[in-house]
Amino acid sequence: AQIAKKTCKRTYFALLEGNLKTDSGRVATDIGRHP
């Protein structure tokens, strides 16, 4: 229920390829199976 209600918080670290332009931001999209 905590995960469903987003009260359980999860933080990750990742090494990305290239130089990300912005210092911070939010990505909000729909995600589903690749067509």
PDB file of all heavy atoms in Angstrom:
ATOM      1  N   ALA A   1       0.832  -1.205   0.000  1.00  0.00           N
ATOM      2  CA  ALA A   1       0.000   0.000   0.000  1.00  0.00           C
ATOM      3  C   ALA A   1       0.868   1.257   0.000  1.00  0.00           C
ATOM      4  O   ALA A   1       0.539   2.252  -0.657  1.00  0.00           O
ATOM      5  CB  ALA A   1      -0.921   0.002   1.215  1.00  0.00           C
ATOM      6  N   GLN A   2       1.996   1.229   0.711  1.00  0.00           N
ATOM      7  CA  GLN A   2       2.900   2.382   0.730  1.00  0.00           C
ATOM      8  C   GLN A   2       3.480   2.648  -0.658  1.00  0.00           C
ATOM      9  O   GLN A   2       3.607   3.803  -1.082  1.00  0.00           O
ATOM     10  CB  GLN A   2       4.033   2.150   1.731  1.00  0.00           C
ATOM     11  CG  GLN A   2       3.597   2.146   3.186  1.00  0.00           C
ATOM     12  CD  GLN A   2       4.746   1.883   4.129  1.00  0.00           C
ATOM     13  OE1 GLN A   2       5.811   2.488   4.011  1.00  0.00           O
ATOM     14  NE2 GLN A   2       4.549   0.969   5.071  1.00  0.00           N
ATOM     15  N   ILE A   3       3.818   1.590  -1.358  1.00  0.00           N
ATOM     16  CA  ILE A   3       4.339   1.758  -2.714  1.00  0.00           C
ATOM     17  C   ILE A   3       3.246   2.286  -3.630  1.00  0.00           C
ATOM     18  O   ILE A   3       3.465   3.200  -4.440  1.00  0.00           O
ATOM     19  CB  ILE A   3       4.903   0.421  -3.229  1.00  0.00           C
ATOM     20  CG1 ILE A   3       6.194   0.087  -2.464  1.00  0.00           C
ATOM     21  CG2 ILE A   3       5.183   0.489  -4.729  1.00  0.00           C
ATOM     22  CD1 ILE A   3       6.786  -1.256  -2.806  1.00  0.00           C
ATOM     23  N   ALA A   4       2.034   1.745  -3.491  1.00  0.00           N
ATOM     24  CA  ALA A   4       0.922   2.192  -4.336  1.00  0.00           C
ATOM     25  C   ALA A   4       0.571   3.652  -4.071  1.00  0.00           C
ATOM     26  O   ALA A   4       0.249   4.411  -4.995  1.00  0.00           O
ATOM     27  CB  ALA A   4      -0.293   1.309  -4.092  1.00  0.00           C
ATOM     28  N   LYS A   5       0.653   4.067  -2.804  1.00  0.00           N
ATOM     29  CA  LYS A   5       0.306   5.442  -2.431  1.00  0.00           C
ATOM     30  C   LYS A   5       1.498   6.396  -2.558  1.00  0.00           C
ATOM     31  O   LYS A   5       1.383   7.581  -2.266  1.00  0.00           O
ATOM     32  CB  LYS A   5      -0.234   5.467  -1.001  1.00  0.00           C
ATOM     33  CG  LYS A   5      -1.544   4.725  -0.826  1.00  0.00           C
ATOM     34  CD  LYS A   5      -1.975   4.712   0.641  1.00  0.00           C
ATOM     35  CE  LYS A   5      -3.261   3.939   0.837  1.00  0.00           C
ATOM     36  NZ  LYS A   5      -3.646   3.877   2.278  1.00  0.00           N
ATOM     37  N   LYS A   6       2.649   5.837  -2.956  1.00  0.00           N
ATOM     38  CA  LYS A   6       3.868   6.626  -3.185  1.00  0.00           C
ATOM     39  C   LYS A   6       4.420   7.239  -1.902  1.00  0.00           C
ATOM     40  O   LYS A   6       5.105   8.266  -1.935  1.00  0.00           O
ATOM     41  CB  LYS A   6       3.626   7.716  -4.242  1.00  0.00           C
ATOM     42  CG  LYS A   6       3.085   7.180  -5.559  1.00  0.00           C
ATOM     43  CD  LYS A   6       2.773   8.279  -6.537  1.00  0.00           C
ATOM     44  CE  LYS A   6       2.203   7.739  -7.822  1.00  0.00           C
ATOM     45  NZ  LYS A   6       0.936   6.995  -7.640  1.00  0.00           N
ATOM     46  N   THR A   7       4.149   6.599  -0.771  1.00  0.00           N
ATOM     47  CA  THR A   7       4.741   7.056   0.487  1.00  0.00           C
ATOM     48  C   THR A   7       6.035   6.310   0.790  1.00  0.00           C
ATOM     49  O   THR A   7       6.793   6.711   1.673  1.00  0.00           O
ATOM     50  CB  THR A   7       3.762   6.874   1.662  1.00  0.00           C
ATOM     51  OG1 THR A   7       3.366   5.495   1.739  1.00  0.00           O
ATOM     52  CG2 THR A   7       2.521   7.744   1.459  1.00  0.00           C
ATOM     53  N   CYS A   8       6.269   5.206   0.090  1.00  0.00           N
ATOM     54  CA  CYS A   8       7.554   4.512   0.161  1.00  0.00           C
ATOM     55  C   CYS A   8       8.458   5.147  -0.892  1.00  0.00           C
ATOM     56  O   CYS A   8       8.143   5.135  -2.082  1.00  0.00           O
ATOM     57  CB  CYS A   8       7.370   3.022  -0.117  1.00  0.00           C
ATOM     58  SG  CYS A   8       8.905   2.078  -0.153  1.00  0.00           S
ATOM     59  N   LYS A   9       9.559   5.742  -0.460  1.00  0.00           N
ATOM     60  CA  LYS A   9      10.416   6.516  -1.359  1.00  0.00           C
ATOM     61  C   LYS A   9      11.654   5.714  -1.754  1.00  0.00           C
ATOM     62  O   LYS A   9      12.336   5.141  -0.903  1.00  0.00           O
ATOM     63  CB  LYS A   9      10.850   7.825  -0.691  1.00  0.00           C
ATOM     64  CG  LYS A   9       9.683   8.709  -0.252  1.00  0.00           C
ATOM     65  CD  LYS A   9       8.862   9.173  -1.443  1.00  0.00           C
ATOM     66  CE  LYS A   9       7.755  10.128  -1.020  1.00  0.00           C
ATOM     67  NZ  LYS A   9       6.918  10.553  -2.172  1.00  0.00           N
ATOM     68  N   ARG A  10      11.939   5.700  -3.068  1.00  0.00           N
ATOM     69  CA  ARG A  10      13.082   4.950  -3.587  1.00  0.00           C
ATOM     70  C   ARG A  10      13.982   5.869  -4.419  1.00  0.00           C
ATOM     71  O   ARG A  10      13.510   6.544  -5.323  1.00  0.00           O
ATOM     72  CB  ARG A  10      12.584   3.785  -4.438  1.00  0.00           C
ATOM     73  CG  ARG A  10      11.883   2.702  -3.634  1.00  0.00           C
ATOM     74  CD  ARG A  10      11.167   1.693  -4.510  1.00  0.00           C
ATOM     75  NE  ARG A  10       9.938   2.247  -5.075  1.00  0.00           N
ATOM     76  CZ  ARG A  10       9.236   1.655  -6.020  1.00  0.00           C
ATOM     77  NH1 ARG A  10       9.672   0.525  -6.558  1.00  0.00           N
ATOM     78  NH2 ARG A  10       8.121   2.191  -6.461  1.00  0.00           N
ATOM     79  N   THR A  11      15.255   5.875  -4.065  1.00  0.00           N
ATOM     80  CA  THR A  11      16.233   6.722  -4.748  1.00  0.00           C
ATOM     81  C   THR A  11      17.310   5.850  -5.384  1.00  0.00           C
ATOM     82  O   THR A  11      17.842   4.943  -4.729  1.00  0.00           O
ATOM     83  CB  THR A  11      16.887   7.708  -3.764  1.00  0.00           C
ATOM     84  OG1 THR A  11      15.875   8.546  -3.200  1.00  0.00           O
ATOM     85  CG2 THR A  11      17.915   8.577  -4.470  1.00  0.00           C
ATOM     86  N   TYR A  12      17.625   6.142  -6.635  1.00  0.00           N
ATOM     87  CA  TYR A  12      18.619   5.390  -7.398  1.00  0.00           C
ATOM     88  C   TYR A  12      19.750   6.309  -7.847  1.00  0.00           C
ATOM     89  O   TYR A  12      19.573   7.526  -7.952  1.00  0.00           O
ATOM     90  CB  TYR A  12      17.986   4.790  -8.658  1.00  0.00           C
ATOM     91  CG  TYR A  12      17.015   3.661  -8.440  1.00  0.00           C
ATOM     92  CD1 TYR A  12      15.794   3.865  -7.816  1.00  0.00           C
ATOM     93  CD2 TYR A  12      17.308   2.373  -8.901  1.00  0.00           C
ATOM     94  CE1 TYR A  12      14.889   2.821  -7.632  1.00  0.00           C
ATOM     95  CE2 TYR A  12      16.403   1.328  -8.724  1.00  0.00           C
ATOM     96  CZ  TYR A  12      15.210   1.560  -8.095  1.00  0.00           C
ATOM     97  OH  TYR A  12      14.313   0.534  -7.914  1.00  0.00           O
ATOM     98  N   PHE A  13      20.892   5.707  -8.146  1.00  0.00           N
ATOM     99  CA  PHE A  13      21.966   6.407  -8.846  1.00  0.00           C
ATOM    100  C   PHE A  13      22.258   5.665 -10.145  1.00  0.00           C
ATOM    101  O   PHE A  13      22.204   4.424 -10.186  1.00  0.00           O
ATOM    102  CB  PHE A  13      23.238   6.468  -7.991  1.00  0.00           C
ATOM    103  CG  PHE A  13      23.199   7.539  -6.950  1.00  0.00           C
ATOM    104  CD1 PHE A  13      22.749   7.277  -5.670  1.00  0.00           C
ATOM    105  CD2 PHE A  13      23.594   8.836  -7.262  1.00  0.00           C
ATOM    106  CE1 PHE A  13      22.694   8.265  -4.707  1.00  0.00           C
ATOM    107  CE2 PHE A  13      23.550   9.841  -6.300  1.00  0.00           C
ATOM    108  CZ  PHE A  13      23.095   9.560  -5.027  1.00  0.00           C
ATOM    109  N   ALA A  14      22.542   6.424 -11.184  1.00  0.00           N
ATOM    110  CA  ALA A  14      22.860   5.824 -12.476  1.00  0.00           C
ATOM    111  C   ALA A  14      23.925   6.653 -13.166  1.00  0.00           C
ATOM    112  O   ALA A  14      23.974   7.885 -13.030  1.00  0.00           O
ATOM    113  CB  ALA A  14      21.615   5.739 -13.360  1.00  0.00           C
ATOM    114  N   LEU A  15      24.778   5.978 -13.904  1.00  0.00           N
ATOM    115  CA  LEU A  15      25.740   6.659 -14.765  1.00  0.00           C
ATOM    116  C   LEU A  15      25.139   6.683 -16.164  1.00  0.00           C
ATOM    117  O   LEU A  15      24.832   5.633 -16.739  1.00  0.00           O
ATOM    118  CB  LEU A  15      27.081   5.929 -14.782  1.00  0.00           C
ATOM    119  CG  LEU A  15      28.200   6.639 -15.543  1.00  0.00           C
ATOM    120  CD1 LEU A  15      28.608   7.936 -14.844  1.00  0.00           C
ATOM    121  CD2 LEU A  15      29.409   5.723 -15.708  1.00  0.00           C
ATOM    122  N   LEU A  16      24.933   7.880 -16.696  1.00  0.00           N
ATOM    123  CA  LEU A  16      24.317   8.035 -18.011  1.00  0.00           C
ATOM    124  C   LEU A  16      25.364   8.302 -19.074  1.00  0.00           C
ATOM    125  O   LEU A  16      26.413   8.886 -18.810  1.00  0.00           O
ATOM    126  CB  LEU A  16      23.309   9.189 -17.990  1.00  0.00           C
ATOM    127  CG  LEU A  16      22.208   9.151 -16.932  1.00  0.00           C
ATOM    128  CD1 LEU A  16      21.219  10.288 -17.191  1.00  0.00           C
ATOM    129  CD2 LEU A  16      21.502   7.816 -16.898  1.00  0.00           C
ATOM    130  N   GLU A  17      25.057   7.899 -20.284  1.00  0.00           N
ATOM    131  CA  GLU A  17      25.916   8.212 -21.417  1.00  0.00           C
ATOM    132  C   GLU A  17      25.723   9.674 -21.805  1.00  0.00           C
ATOM    133  O   GLU A  17      24.598  10.180 -21.821  1.00  0.00           O
ATOM    134  CB  GLU A  17      25.567   7.315 -22.600  1.00  0.00           C
ATOM    135  CG  GLU A  17      25.788   5.831 -22.337  1.00  0.00           C
ATOM    136  CD  GLU A  17      25.443   4.976 -23.547  1.00  0.00           C
ATOM    137  OE1 GLU A  17      25.150   5.558 -24.608  1.00  0.00           O
ATOM    138  OE2 GLU A  17      25.473   3.738 -23.435  1.00  0.00           O
ATOM    139  N   GLY A  18      26.814  10.364 -22.130  1.00  0.00           N
ATOM    140  CA  GLY A  18      26.734  11.745 -22.595  1.00  0.00           C
ATOM    141  C   GLY A  18      26.588  12.755 -21.468  1.00  0.00           C
ATOM    142  O   GLY A  18      26.600  12.424 -20.281  1.00  0.00           O
ATOM    143  N   ASN A  19      26.446  14.016 -21.873  1.00  0.00           N
ATOM    144  CA  ASN A  19      26.367  15.142 -20.939  1.00  0.00           C
ATOM    145  C   ASN A  19      24.937  15.671 -20.901  1.00  0.00           C
ATOM    146  O   ASN A  19      24.483  16.355 -21.824  1.00  0.00           O
ATOM    147  CB  ASN A  19      27.335  16.247 -21.390  1.00  0.00           C
ATOM    148  CG  ASN A  19      27.420  17.380 -20.389  1.00  0.00           C
ATOM    149  OD1 ASN A  19      26.956  17.266 -19.262  1.00  0.00           O
ATOM    150  ND2 ASN A  19      28.007  18.495 -20.814  1.00  0.00           N
ATOM    151  N   LEU A  20      24.224  15.329 -19.829  1.00  0.00           N
ATOM    152  CA  LEU A  20      22.832  15.751 -19.670  1.00  0.00           C
ATOM    153  C   LEU A  20      22.770  17.272 -19.573  1.00  0.00           C
ATOM    154  O   LEU A  20      23.475  17.891 -18.776  1.00  0.00           O
ATOM    155  CB  LEU A  20      22.251  15.105 -18.409  1.00  0.00           C
ATOM    156  CG  LEU A  20      20.755  15.208 -18.170  1.00  0.00           C
ATOM    157  CD1 LEU A  20      19.974  14.578 -19.308  1.00  0.00           C
ATOM    158  CD2 LEU A  20      20.398  14.528 -16.849  1.00  0.00           C
ATOM    159  N   LYS A  21      21.922  17.891 -20.371  1.00  0.00           N
ATOM    160  CA  LYS A  21      21.919  19.348 -20.487  1.00  0.00           C
ATOM    161  C   LYS A  21      21.443  20.045 -19.216  1.00  0.00           C
ATOM    162  O   LYS A  21      22.020  21.042 -18.789  1.00  0.00           O
ATOM    163  CB  LYS A  21      21.051  19.770 -21.670  1.00  0.00           C
ATOM    164  CG  LYS A  21      21.597  19.323 -23.024  1.00  0.00           C
ATOM    165  CD  LYS A  21      20.678  19.760 -24.159  1.00  0.00           C
ATOM    166  CE  LYS A  21      21.214  19.299 -25.510  1.00  0.00           C
ATOM    167  NZ  LYS A  21      20.318  19.694 -26.629  1.00  0.00           N
ATOM    168  N   THR A  22      20.381  19.564 -18.617  1.00  0.00           N
ATOM    169  CA  THR A  22      19.802  20.243 -17.453  1.00  0.00           C
ATOM    170  C   THR A  22      20.331  19.643 -16.157  1.00  0.00           C
ATOM    171  O   THR A  22      20.658  18.454 -16.087  1.00  0.00           O
ATOM    172  CB  THR A  22      18.270  20.144 -17.466  1.00  0.00           C
ATOM    173  OG1 THR A  22      17.903  18.765 -17.588  1.00  0.00           O
ATOM    174  CG2 THR A  22      17.694  20.909 -18.641  1.00  0.00           C
ATOM    175  N   ASP A  23      20.397  20.458 -15.104  1.00  0.00           N
ATOM    176  CA  ASP A  23      20.910  19.987 -13.815  1.00  0.00           C
ATOM    177  C   ASP A  23      19.890  19.157 -13.048  1.00  0.00           C
ATOM    178  O   ASP A  23      20.259  18.329 -12.210  1.00  0.00           O
ATOM    179  CB  ASP A  23      21.332  21.181 -12.944  1.00  0.00           C
ATOM    180  CG  ASP A  23      22.581  21.867 -13.477  1.00  0.00           C
ATOM    181  OD1 ASP A  23      23.370  21.196 -14.166  1.00  0.00           O
ATOM    182  OD2 ASP A  23      22.759  23.069 -13.202  1.00  0.00           O
ATOM    183  N   SER A  24      18.628  19.383 -13.310  1.00  0.00           N
ATOM    184  CA  SER A  24      17.581  18.628 -12.627  1.00  0.00           C
ATOM    185  C   SER A  24      16.292  18.755 -13.431  1.00  0.00           C
ATOM    186  O   SER A  24      16.172  19.617 -14.306  1.00  0.00           O
ATOM    187  CB  SER A  24      17.363  19.139 -11.202  1.00  0.00           C
ATOM    188  OG  SER A  24      16.931  20.491 -11.213  1.00  0.00           O
ATOM    189  N   GLY A  25      15.334  17.910 -13.110  1.00  0.00           N
ATOM    190  CA  GLY A  25      14.067  17.989 -13.821  1.00  0.00           C
ATOM    191  C   GLY A  25      13.178  16.809 -13.499  1.00  0.00           C
ATOM    192  O   GLY A  25      13.489  15.977 -12.637  1.00  0.00           O
ATOM    193  N   ARG A  26      12.072  16.752 -14.172  1.00  0.00           N
ATOM    194  CA  ARG A  26      11.103  15.670 -14.012  1.00  0.00           C
ATOM    195  C   ARG A  26      10.713  15.136 -15.385  1.00  0.00           C
ATOM    196  O   ARG A  26      10.459  15.919 -16.312  1.00  0.00           O
ATOM    197  CB  ARG A  26       9.868  16.141 -13.256  1.00  0.00           C
ATOM    198  CG  ARG A  26       8.679  15.196 -13.308  1.00  0.00           C
ATOM    199  CD  ARG A  26       7.560  15.586 -12.380  1.00  0.00           C
ATOM    200  NE  ARG A  26       7.915  15.304 -10.980  1.00  0.00           N
ATOM    201  CZ  ARG A  26       7.047  15.320  -9.973  1.00  0.00           C
ATOM    202  NH1 ARG A  26       5.772  15.631 -10.210  1.00  0.00           N
ATOM    203  NH2 ARG A  26       7.429  15.045  -8.744  1.00  0.00           N
ATOM    204  N   VAL A  27      10.665  13.816 -15.505  1.00  0.00           N
ATOM    205  CA  VAL A  27      10.173  13.166 -16.713  1.00  0.00           C
ATOM    206  C   VAL A  27       8.834  12.530 -16.372  1.00  0.00           C
ATOM    207  O   VAL A  27       8.746  11.719 -15.440  1.00  0.00           O
ATOM    208  CB  VAL A  27      11.145  12.093 -17.229  1.00  0.00           C
ATOM    209  CG1 VAL A  27      10.646  11.532 -18.557  1.00  0.00           C
ATOM    210  CG2 VAL A  27      12.552  12.652 -17.382  1.00  0.00           C
ATOM    211  N   ALA A  28       7.790  12.917 -17.082  1.00  0.00           N
ATOM    212  CA  ALA A  28       6.455  12.352 -16.860  1.00  0.00           C
ATOM    213  C   ALA A  28       5.897  11.921 -18.212  1.00  0.00           C
ATOM    214  O   ALA A  28       5.591  12.759 -19.058  1.00  0.00           O
ATOM    215  CB  ALA A  28       5.543  13.378 -16.193  1.00  0.00           C
ATOM    216  N   THR A  29       5.790  10.625 -18.410  1.00  0.00           N
ATOM    217  CA  THR A  29       5.303  10.084 -19.680  1.00  0.00           C
ATOM    218  C   THR A  29       4.441   8.853 -19.412  1.00  0.00           C
ATOM    219  O   THR A  29       4.426   8.320 -18.303  1.00  0.00           O
ATOM    220  CB  THR A  29       6.463   9.645 -20.592  1.00  0.00           C
ATOM    221  OG1 THR A  29       7.074   8.470 -20.034  1.00  0.00           O
ATOM    222  CG2 THR A  29       7.508  10.738 -20.751  1.00  0.00           C
ATOM    223  N   ASP A  30       3.780   8.387 -20.436  1.00  0.00           N
ATOM    224  CA  ASP A  30       3.173   7.070 -20.387  1.00  0.00           C
ATOM    225  C   ASP A  30       4.233   6.046 -20.795  1.00  0.00           C
ATOM    226  O   ASP A  30       5.037   6.301 -21.697  1.00  0.00           O
ATOM    227  CB  ASP A  30       1.989   6.976 -21.349  1.00  0.00           C
ATOM    228  CG  ASP A  30       0.693   7.449 -20.715  1.00  0.00           C
ATOM    229  OD1 ASP A  30       0.765   8.141 -19.669  1.00  0.00           O
ATOM    230  OD2 ASP A  30      -0.380   7.139 -21.252  1.00  0.00           O
ATOM    231  N   ILE A  31       4.246   4.920 -20.106  1.00  0.00           N
ATOM    232  CA  ILE A  31       5.150   3.827 -20.441  1.00  0.00           C
ATOM    233  C   ILE A  31       4.336   2.558 -20.630  1.00  0.00           C
ATOM    234  O   ILE A  31       3.393   2.286 -19.883  1.00  0.00           O
ATOM    235  CB  ILE A  31       6.216   3.619 -19.338  1.00  0.00           C
ATOM    236  CG1 ILE A  31       7.306   4.705 -19.421  1.00  0.00           C
ATOM    237  CG2 ILE A  31       6.857   2.238 -19.442  1.00  0.00           C
ATOM    238  CD1 ILE A  31       8.395   4.560 -18.377  1.00  0.00           C
ATOM    239  N   GLY A  32       4.703   1.779 -21.648  1.00  0.00           N
ATOM    240  CA  GLY A  32       4.043   0.504 -21.898  1.00  0.00           C
ATOM    241  C   GLY A  32       4.943  -0.378 -22.745  1.00  0.00           C
ATOM    242  O   GLY A  32       6.098  -0.024 -23.019  1.00  0.00           O
ATOM    243  N   ARG A  33       4.436  -1.514 -23.152  1.00  0.00           N
ATOM    244  CA  ARG A  33       5.216  -2.423 -23.993  1.00  0.00           C
ATOM    245  C   ARG A  33       5.571  -1.762 -25.320  1.00  0.00           C
ATOM    246  O   ARG A  33       4.768  -1.050 -25.915  1.00  0.00           O
ATOM    247  CB  ARG A  33       4.424  -3.701 -24.260  1.00  0.00           C
ATOM    248  CG  ARG A  33       4.337  -4.626 -23.060  1.00  0.00           C
ATOM    249  CD  ARG A  33       5.664  -5.247 -22.735  1.00  0.00           C
ATOM    250  NE  ARG A  33       5.628  -5.938 -21.444  1.00  0.00           N
ATOM    251  CZ  ARG A  33       6.704  -6.416 -20.840  1.00  0.00           C
ATOM    252  NH1 ARG A  33       7.903  -6.266 -21.395  1.00  0.00           N
ATOM    253  NH2 ARG A  33       6.598  -7.015 -19.676  1.00  0.00           N
ATOM    254  N   HIS A  34       6.781  -2.005 -25.765  1.00  0.00           N
ATOM    255  CA  HIS A  34       7.241  -1.492 -27.052  1.00  0.00           C
ATOM    256  C   HIS A  34       6.328  -2.045 -28.149  1.00  0.00           C
ATOM    257  O   HIS A  34       5.972  -3.226 -28.130  1.00  0.00           O
ATOM    258  CB  HIS A  34       8.687  -1.928 -27.278  1.00  0.00           C
ATOM    259  CG  HIS A  34       9.364  -1.222 -28.402  1.00  0.00           C
ATOM    260  ND1 HIS A  34       9.111  -1.513 -29.725  1.00  0.00           N
ATOM    261  CD2 HIS A  34      10.293  -0.225 -28.402  1.00  0.00           C
ATOM    262  CE1 HIS A  34       9.862  -0.747 -30.493  1.00  0.00           C
ATOM    263  NE2 HIS A  34      10.579   0.054 -29.720  1.00  0.00           N
ATOM    264  N   PRO A  35       5.922  -1.223 -29.101  1.00  0.00           N
ATOM    265  CA  PRO A  35       4.962  -1.677 -30.117  1.00  0.00           C
ATOM    266  C   PRO A  35       5.461  -2.802 -31.014  1.00  0.00           C
ATOM    267  O   PRO A  35       4.648  -3.564 -31.565  1.00  0.00           O
ATOM    268  CB  PRO A  35       4.686  -0.404 -30.935  1.00  0.00           C
ATOM    269  CG  PRO A  35       5.827   0.506 -30.634  1.00  0.00           C
ATOM    270  CD  PRO A  35       6.264   0.200 -29.245  1.00  0.00           C
TER     271      PRO A  35
END
